[in-house]
Amino acid sequence: MTNFPPSLSRVPPRKSTDGQMGRLEQQVEKEKKRRERLNAVETAMKSLPLKPGAEAEITKLSGLFEQAYYAAINKLEDKAATTHTMAGELASLAKGLGKVANLVENLHPNTLKLWAAGTDPALNGGSLLFILKEAEAWSEAGIDTLKRAKRIGKPGRTEDLVARWMKETAAFVYEGLTTRKANIAYDAYASRQSETPFQGFLDRIFEIYGVKVSAKSRACKR
């Protein structure tokens, strides 16, 4: 048994304050809602007329909506880093992850075995490599999101800005998963917009993220 000095042994255990507990509860609730949104988005994506092999991309692409939504909100609140700063950091992150992935991929078998510390070196090395490459892809996807933000970050009402950003992301995802164009048809004879698969998908995305402006509003037109 370790004997601590008297001065340390008399120190009472540190208790979490109400403020700390409150912040922790907020973080837990925020993460819960984030997971619920992602699950709902993935369900909406799976309901699309997917092209062959597209289902494997759903989980990776679903995160783009979280990136786009919060990037737009932060831009509006004027408290986020600049687009240039975020793009630079993401580019550096992607480059660094790529270098580490390349290093792991070229490790000598003996080095890999030593690193694996008695476990399956091929399995663990492959898992690490997969995570690194996925993280690199996420960084590059984030850069693409910021590039689209430059095009649509124009003055306007708050809900219109968020809607434009989310629509651009929805269009990118829709066209990446299907063989169709992301467009909203207009029935000139009836003087109204016609329902299309993309419009239905966009309506659902707006519902999930609580975007108040309608998918059919003029603010969302290309």
C-alpha atoms as a PDB file:
ATOM      1  CA  MET A   1       0.000   0.000   0.000  1.00  0.00           C
ATOM      2  CA  THR A   2       1.321   3.448  -0.899  1.00  0.00           C
ATOM      3  CA  ASN A   3       1.700   5.897   1.995  1.00  0.00           C
ATOM      4  CA  PHE A   4       1.113   9.494   0.972  1.00  0.00           C
ATOM      5  CA  PRO A   5       2.547  12.470   2.858  1.00  0.00           C
ATOM      6  CA  PRO A   6       0.183  13.801   5.571  1.00  0.00           C
ATOM      7  CA  SER A   7      -0.427  16.983   3.598  1.00  0.00           C
ATOM      8  CA  LEU A   8      -1.743  14.941   0.653  1.00  0.00           C
ATOM      9  CA  SER A   9      -3.621  12.354   2.676  1.00  0.00           C
ATOM     10  CA  ARG A  10      -5.713  15.111   4.241  1.00  0.00           C
ATOM     11  CA  VAL A  11      -6.806  16.541   0.862  1.00  0.00           C
ATOM     12  CA  PRO A  12     -10.514  15.725   0.380  1.00  0.00           C
ATOM     13  CA  PRO A  13     -11.595  14.201  -2.937  1.00  0.00           C
ATOM     14  CA  ARG A  14     -12.513  16.802  -5.517  1.00  0.00           C
ATOM     15  CA  LYS A  15     -16.214  16.972  -6.205  1.00  0.00           C
ATOM     16  CA  SER A  16     -17.824  17.964  -9.458  1.00  0.00           C
ATOM     17  CA  THR A  17     -19.564  21.302  -9.222  1.00  0.00           C
ATOM     18  CA  ASP A  18     -23.134  21.848 -10.350  1.00  0.00           C
ATOM     19  CA  GLY A  19     -21.774  23.831 -13.276  1.00  0.00           C
ATOM     20  CA  GLN A  20     -19.546  20.967 -14.395  1.00  0.00           C
ATOM     21  CA  MET A  21     -22.380  18.468 -14.096  1.00  0.00           C
ATOM     22  CA  GLY A  22     -24.653  20.801 -16.039  1.00  0.00           C
ATOM     23  CA  ARG A  23     -22.114  21.140 -18.856  1.00  0.00           C
ATOM     24  CA  LEU A  24     -21.616  17.376 -18.935  1.00  0.00           C
ATOM     25  CA  GLU A  25     -25.361  16.796 -19.190  1.00  0.00           C
ATOM     26  CA  GLN A  26     -25.567  19.345 -22.004  1.00  0.00           C
ATOM     27  CA  GLN A  27     -22.754  17.597 -23.877  1.00  0.00           C
ATOM     28  CA  VAL A  28     -24.424  14.203 -23.449  1.00  0.00           C
ATOM     29  CA  GLU A  29     -27.752  15.580 -24.661  1.00  0.00           C
ATOM     30  CA  LYS A  30     -26.079  17.351 -27.589  1.00  0.00           C
ATOM     31  CA  GLU A  31     -24.350  14.138 -28.651  1.00  0.00           C
ATOM     32  CA  LYS A  32     -27.618  12.217 -28.332  1.00  0.00           C
ATOM     33  CA  LYS A  33     -29.399  14.681 -30.621  1.00  0.00           C
ATOM     34  CA  ARG A  34     -26.498  14.600 -33.087  1.00  0.00           C
ATOM     35  CA  ARG A  35     -26.738  10.805 -33.314  1.00  0.00           C
ATOM     36  CA  GLU A  36     -30.511  11.022 -33.776  1.00  0.00           C
ATOM     37  CA  ARG A  37     -30.061  13.502 -36.627  1.00  0.00           C
ATOM     38  CA  LEU A  38     -27.418  11.354 -38.315  1.00  0.00           C
ATOM     39  CA  ASN A  39     -29.589   8.251 -38.023  1.00  0.00           C
ATOM     40  CA  ALA A  40     -32.535  10.129 -39.523  1.00  0.00           C
ATOM     41  CA  VAL A  41     -30.362  11.483 -42.342  1.00  0.00           C
ATOM     42  CA  GLU A  42     -28.997   8.015 -43.141  1.00  0.00           C
ATOM     43  CA  THR A  43     -32.541   6.631 -43.225  1.00  0.00           C
ATOM     44  CA  ALA A  44     -33.545   9.375 -45.669  1.00  0.00           C
ATOM     45  CA  MET A  45     -30.496   8.635 -47.815  1.00  0.00           C
ATOM     46  CA  LYS A  46     -31.246   4.902 -47.874  1.00  0.00           C
ATOM     47  CA  SER A  47     -34.742   5.662 -49.193  1.00  0.00           C
ATOM     48  CA  LEU A  48     -33.299   7.324 -52.310  1.00  0.00           C
ATOM     49  CA  PRO A  49     -33.085   5.512 -55.684  1.00  0.00           C
ATOM     50  CA  LEU A  50     -29.474   4.521 -55.001  1.00  0.00           C
ATOM     51  CA  LYS A  51     -27.046   3.635 -57.748  1.00  0.00           C
ATOM     52  CA  PRO A  52     -25.080   0.355 -57.419  1.00  0.00           C
ATOM     53  CA  GLY A  53     -22.552   0.494 -54.586  1.00  0.00           C
ATOM     54  CA  ALA A  54     -23.850   3.802 -53.216  1.00  0.00           C
ATOM     55  CA  GLU A  55     -25.064   2.361 -49.913  1.00  0.00           C
ATOM     56  CA  ALA A  56     -21.459   1.940 -48.784  1.00  0.00           C
ATOM     57  CA  GLU A  57     -21.000   5.729 -49.041  1.00  0.00           C
ATOM     58  CA  ILE A  58     -24.008   6.687 -46.914  1.00  0.00           C
ATOM     59  CA  THR A  59     -22.321   6.767 -43.508  1.00  0.00           C
ATOM     60  CA  LYS A  60     -19.421   8.866 -44.792  1.00  0.00           C
ATOM     61  CA  LEU A  61     -21.640  11.346 -46.642  1.00  0.00           C
ATOM     62  CA  SER A  62     -24.167  11.753 -43.830  1.00  0.00           C
ATOM     63  CA  GLY A  63     -21.628  13.732 -41.795  1.00  0.00           C
ATOM     64  CA  LEU A  64     -21.560  16.457 -44.451  1.00  0.00           C
ATOM     65  CA  PHE A  65     -24.945  17.710 -43.257  1.00  0.00           C
ATOM     66  CA  GLU A  66     -23.609  18.234 -39.723  1.00  0.00           C
ATOM     67  CA  GLN A  67     -20.610  20.083 -41.131  1.00  0.00           C
ATOM     68  CA  ALA A  68     -22.706  22.269 -43.400  1.00  0.00           C
ATOM     69  CA  TYR A  69     -25.329  23.106 -40.784  1.00  0.00           C
ATOM     70  CA  TYR A  70     -22.932  24.123 -38.026  1.00  0.00           C
ATOM     71  CA  ALA A  71     -20.587  25.914 -40.395  1.00  0.00           C
ATOM     72  CA  ALA A  72     -23.553  28.011 -41.586  1.00  0.00           C
ATOM     73  CA  ILE A  73     -24.733  28.687 -38.022  1.00  0.00           C
ATOM     74  CA  ASN A  74     -21.238  29.701 -36.919  1.00  0.00           C
ATOM     75  CA  LYS A  75     -20.876  31.945 -39.940  1.00  0.00           C
ATOM     76  CA  LEU A  76     -24.111  33.696 -39.052  1.00  0.00           C
ATOM     77  CA  GLU A  77     -23.139  34.070 -35.395  1.00  0.00           C
ATOM     78  CA  ASP A  78     -19.824  35.548 -36.531  1.00  0.00           C
ATOM     79  CA  LYS A  79     -17.799  33.688 -33.955  1.00  0.00           C
ATOM     80  CA  ALA A  80     -16.192  30.969 -36.029  1.00  0.00           C
ATOM     81  CA  ALA A  81     -12.808  30.909 -37.697  1.00  0.00           C
ATOM     82  CA  THR A  82     -12.700  32.337 -41.200  1.00  0.00           C
ATOM     83  CA  THR A  83     -13.352  30.070 -44.156  1.00  0.00           C
ATOM     84  CA  HIS A  84      -9.722  30.530 -45.190  1.00  0.00           C
ATOM     85  CA  THR A  85      -8.462  29.447 -41.749  1.00  0.00           C
ATOM     86  CA  MET A  86     -10.688  26.369 -41.590  1.00  0.00           C
ATOM     87  CA  ALA A  87      -9.801  25.347 -45.137  1.00  0.00           C
ATOM     88  CA  GLY A  88      -6.098  25.691 -44.341  1.00  0.00           C
ATOM     89  CA  GLU A  89      -6.384  23.666 -41.148  1.00  0.00           C
ATOM     90  CA  LEU A  90      -8.384  20.930 -42.861  1.00  0.00           C
ATOM     91  CA  ALA A  91      -5.871  20.795 -45.711  1.00  0.00           C
ATOM     92  CA  SER A  92      -3.014  20.447 -43.214  1.00  0.00           C
ATOM     93  CA  LEU A  93      -4.938  17.774 -41.329  1.00  0.00           C
ATOM     94  CA  ALA A  94      -5.636  15.817 -44.524  1.00  0.00           C
ATOM     95  CA  LYS A  95      -1.971  16.076 -45.532  1.00  0.00           C
ATOM     96  CA  GLY A  96      -0.768  14.945 -42.100  1.00  0.00           C
ATOM     97  CA  LEU A  97      -3.182  12.021 -41.979  1.00  0.00           C
ATOM     98  CA  GLY A  98      -2.105  10.998 -45.474  1.00  0.00           C
ATOM     99  CA  LYS A  99       1.540  10.966 -44.388  1.00  0.00           C
ATOM    100  CA  VAL A 100       0.779   8.852 -41.310  1.00  0.00           C
ATOM    101  CA  ALA A 101      -1.317   6.450 -43.406  1.00  0.00           C
ATOM    102  CA  ASN A 102       1.557   6.101 -45.859  1.00  0.00           C
ATOM    103  CA  LEU A 103       3.954   5.436 -42.979  1.00  0.00           C
ATOM    104  CA  VAL A 104       1.680   2.729 -41.517  1.00  0.00           C
ATOM    105  CA  GLU A 105       1.213   1.174 -44.949  1.00  0.00           C
ATOM    106  CA  ASN A 106       4.987   0.852 -45.406  1.00  0.00           C
ATOM    107  CA  LEU A 107       5.953  -0.372 -41.927  1.00  0.00           C
ATOM    108  CA  HIS A 108       8.316  -3.327 -41.836  1.00  0.00           C
ATOM    109  CA  PRO A 109       6.446  -6.490 -40.690  1.00  0.00           C
ATOM    110  CA  ASN A 110       8.700  -6.746 -37.621  1.00  0.00           C
ATOM    111  CA  THR A 111       7.961  -3.148 -36.658  1.00  0.00           C
ATOM    112  CA  LEU A 112       4.237  -3.735 -37.149  1.00  0.00           C
ATOM    113  CA  LYS A 113       4.411  -6.861 -34.988  1.00  0.00           C
ATOM    114  CA  LEU A 114       6.194  -4.969 -32.209  1.00  0.00           C
ATOM    115  CA  TRP A 115       3.640  -2.145 -32.396  1.00  0.00           C
ATOM    116  CA  ALA A 116       0.748  -4.603 -32.216  1.00  0.00           C
ATOM    117  CA  ALA A 117       2.138  -5.857 -28.887  1.00  0.00           C
ATOM    118  CA  GLY A 118       1.052  -9.478 -29.133  1.00  0.00           C
ATOM    119  CA  THR A 119      -2.224  -8.921 -30.946  1.00  0.00           C
ATOM    120  CA  ASP A 120      -2.931  -9.605 -34.620  1.00  0.00           C
ATOM    121  CA  PRO A 121      -0.583  -7.156 -36.422  1.00  0.00           C
ATOM    122  CA  ALA A 122      -2.292  -7.481 -39.808  1.00  0.00           C
ATOM    123  CA  LEU A 123      -5.762  -6.888 -38.373  1.00  0.00           C
ATOM    124  CA  ASN A 124      -4.796  -3.961 -36.150  1.00  0.00           C
ATOM    125  CA  GLY A 125      -2.544  -2.407 -38.783  1.00  0.00           C
ATOM    126  CA  GLY A 126      -5.338  -2.658 -41.343  1.00  0.00           C
ATOM    127  CA  SER A 127      -7.839  -1.127 -38.903  1.00  0.00           C
ATOM    128  CA  LEU A 128      -5.540   1.803 -38.145  1.00  0.00           C
ATOM    129  CA  LEU A 129      -4.893   2.364 -41.835  1.00  0.00           C
ATOM    130  CA  PHE A 130      -8.639   2.329 -42.558  1.00  0.00           C
ATOM    131  CA  ILE A 131      -9.322   4.907 -39.804  1.00  0.00           C
ATOM    132  CA  LEU A 132      -6.550   7.188 -41.048  1.00  0.00           C
ATOM    133  CA  LYS A 133      -7.760   7.057 -44.647  1.00  0.00           C
ATOM    134  CA  GLU A 134     -11.368   7.667 -43.568  1.00  0.00           C
ATOM    135  CA  ALA A 135     -10.284  10.646 -41.449  1.00  0.00           C
ATOM    136  CA  GLU A 136      -8.314  12.008 -44.400  1.00  0.00           C
ATOM    137  CA  ALA A 137     -11.428  11.674 -46.586  1.00  0.00           C
ATOM    138  CA  TRP A 138     -13.518  13.512 -43.970  1.00  0.00           C
ATOM    139  CA  SER A 139     -11.025  16.388 -43.964  1.00  0.00           C
ATOM    140  CA  GLU A 140     -11.180  16.632 -47.753  1.00  0.00           C
ATOM    141  CA  ALA A 141     -14.991  16.490 -47.639  1.00  0.00           C
ATOM    142  CA  GLY A 142     -14.936  19.364 -45.144  1.00  0.00           C
ATOM    143  CA  ILE A 143     -12.850  21.430 -47.574  1.00  0.00           C
ATOM    144  CA  ASP A 144     -15.439  20.756 -50.291  1.00  0.00           C
ATOM    145  CA  THR A 145     -18.153  21.942 -47.904  1.00  0.00           C
ATOM    146  CA  LEU A 146     -16.285  25.199 -47.324  1.00  0.00           C
ATOM    147  CA  LYS A 147     -15.855  25.726 -51.067  1.00  0.00           C
ATOM    148  CA  ARG A 148     -19.616  25.462 -51.522  1.00  0.00           C
ATOM    149  CA  ALA A 149     -20.048  27.856 -48.606  1.00  0.00           C
ATOM    150  CA  LYS A 150     -18.090  30.517 -50.488  1.00  0.00           C
ATOM    151  CA  ARG A 151     -20.602  30.355 -53.321  1.00  0.00           C
ATOM    152  CA  ILE A 152     -23.694  30.599 -51.165  1.00  0.00           C
ATOM    153  CA  GLY A 153     -22.544  32.756 -48.267  1.00  0.00           C
ATOM    154  CA  LYS A 154     -24.352  35.855 -49.462  1.00  0.00           C
ATOM    155  CA  PRO A 155     -26.250  38.478 -47.452  1.00  0.00           C
ATOM    156  CA  GLY A 156     -29.816  37.555 -46.643  1.00  0.00           C
ATOM    157  CA  ARG A 157     -32.144  36.359 -43.942  1.00  0.00           C
ATOM    158  CA  THR A 158     -30.717  33.832 -41.487  1.00  0.00           C
ATOM    159  CA  GLU A 159     -33.026  30.997 -42.481  1.00  0.00           C
ATOM    160  CA  ASP A 160     -32.333  31.624 -46.166  1.00  0.00           C
ATOM    161  CA  LEU A 161     -28.574  31.335 -45.676  1.00  0.00           C
ATOM    162  CA  VAL A 162     -28.844  28.066 -43.762  1.00  0.00           C
ATOM    163  CA  ALA A 163     -31.353  26.744 -46.302  1.00  0.00           C
ATOM    164  CA  ARG A 164     -29.075  27.565 -49.247  1.00  0.00           C
ATOM    165  CA  TRP A 165     -26.154  25.850 -47.564  1.00  0.00           C
ATOM    166  CA  MET A 166     -28.164  22.749 -46.684  1.00  0.00           C
ATOM    167  CA  LYS A 167     -29.668  22.606 -50.164  1.00  0.00           C
ATOM    168  CA  GLU A 168     -26.215  22.689 -51.757  1.00  0.00           C
ATOM    169  CA  THR A 169     -25.122  19.845 -49.484  1.00  0.00           C
ATOM    170  CA  ALA A 170     -28.300  17.856 -50.177  1.00  0.00           C
ATOM    171  CA  ALA A 171     -27.785  18.294 -53.922  1.00  0.00           C
ATOM    172  CA  PHE A 172     -24.165  17.144 -53.680  1.00  0.00           C
ATOM    173  CA  VAL A 173     -25.162  14.051 -51.679  1.00  0.00           C
ATOM    174  CA  TYR A 174     -28.196  13.276 -53.860  1.00  0.00           C
ATOM    175  CA  GLU A 175     -26.230  13.372 -57.104  1.00  0.00           C
ATOM    176  CA  GLY A 176     -23.417  11.354 -55.510  1.00  0.00           C
ATOM    177  CA  LEU A 177     -25.743   8.560 -54.420  1.00  0.00           C
ATOM    178  CA  THR A 178     -28.074   8.405 -57.413  1.00  0.00           C
ATOM    179  CA  THR A 179     -27.843   8.697 -61.173  1.00  0.00           C
ATOM    180  CA  ARG A 180     -30.222  11.669 -61.187  1.00  0.00           C
ATOM    181  CA  LYS A 181     -29.879  15.438 -61.152  1.00  0.00           C
ATOM    182  CA  ALA A 182     -30.888  17.326 -58.039  1.00  0.00           C
ATOM    183  CA  ASN A 183     -33.538  19.612 -59.439  1.00  0.00           C
ATOM    184  CA  ILE A 184     -36.954  20.951 -58.526  1.00  0.00           C
ATOM    185  CA  ALA A 185     -39.497  20.799 -61.348  1.00  0.00           C
ATOM    186  CA  TYR A 186     -41.937  23.605 -62.048  1.00  0.00           C
ATOM    187  CA  ASP A 187     -45.337  22.981 -63.588  1.00  0.00           C
ATOM    188  CA  ALA A 188     -45.941  26.099 -65.663  1.00  0.00           C
ATOM    189  CA  TYR A 189     -49.477  25.034 -66.569  1.00  0.00           C
ATOM    190  CA  ALA A 190     -50.500  24.657 -62.922  1.00  0.00           C
ATOM    191  CA  SER A 191     -48.247  27.538 -61.805  1.00  0.00           C
ATOM    192  CA  ARG A 192     -46.692  25.457 -59.048  1.00  0.00           C
ATOM    193  CA  GLN A 193     -43.703  23.270 -58.352  1.00  0.00           C
ATOM    194  CA  SER A 194     -44.042  19.546 -58.916  1.00  0.00           C
ATOM    195  CA  GLU A 195     -42.892  16.922 -56.438  1.00  0.00           C
ATOM    196  CA  THR A 196     -39.577  15.287 -57.338  1.00  0.00           C
ATOM    197  CA  PRO A 197     -37.465  12.705 -55.460  1.00  0.00           C
ATOM    198  CA  PHE A 198     -34.868  15.363 -54.690  1.00  0.00           C
ATOM    199  CA  GLN A 199     -37.438  17.810 -53.389  1.00  0.00           C
ATOM    200  CA  GLY A 200     -38.828  15.133 -51.068  1.00  0.00           C
ATOM    201  CA  PHE A 201     -35.300  14.385 -49.842  1.00  0.00           C
ATOM    202  CA  LEU A 202     -34.627  18.083 -49.278  1.00  0.00           C
ATOM    203  CA  ASP A 203     -37.885  18.527 -47.364  1.00  0.00           C
ATOM    204  CA  ARG A 204     -36.845  15.691 -45.060  1.00  0.00           C
ATOM    205  CA  ILE A 205     -33.368  17.168 -44.483  1.00  0.00           C
ATOM    206  CA  PHE A 206     -34.932  20.532 -43.611  1.00  0.00           C
ATOM    207  CA  GLU A 207     -37.279  18.782 -41.188  1.00  0.00           C
ATOM    208  CA  ILE A 208     -34.421  16.916 -39.470  1.00  0.00           C
ATOM    209  CA  TYR A 209     -32.385  20.086 -38.945  1.00  0.00           C
ATOM    210  CA  GLY A 210     -35.320  22.336 -38.141  1.00  0.00           C
ATOM    211  CA  VAL A 211     -34.743  24.632 -41.110  1.00  0.00           C
ATOM    212  CA  LYS A 212     -37.876  26.767 -41.151  1.00  0.00           C
ATOM    213  CA  VAL A 213     -37.815  28.012 -44.721  1.00  0.00           C
ATOM    214  CA  SER A 214     -39.644  25.765 -47.188  1.00  0.00           C
ATOM    215  CA  ALA A 215     -37.687  23.713 -49.695  1.00  0.00           C
ATOM    216  CA  LYS A 216     -39.956  25.290 -52.282  1.00  0.00           C
ATOM    217  CA  SER A 217     -39.175  28.882 -51.330  1.00  0.00           C
ATOM    218  CA  ARG A 218     -37.487  31.239 -53.767  1.00  0.00           C
ATOM    219  CA  ALA A 219     -34.507  31.529 -51.452  1.00  0.00           C
ATOM    220  CA  CYS A 220     -33.576  27.931 -52.207  1.00  0.00           C
ATOM    221  CA  LYS A 221     -33.658  28.112 -55.989  1.00  0.00           C
ATOM    222  CA  ARG A 222     -30.436  27.649 -57.901  1.00  0.00           C
END
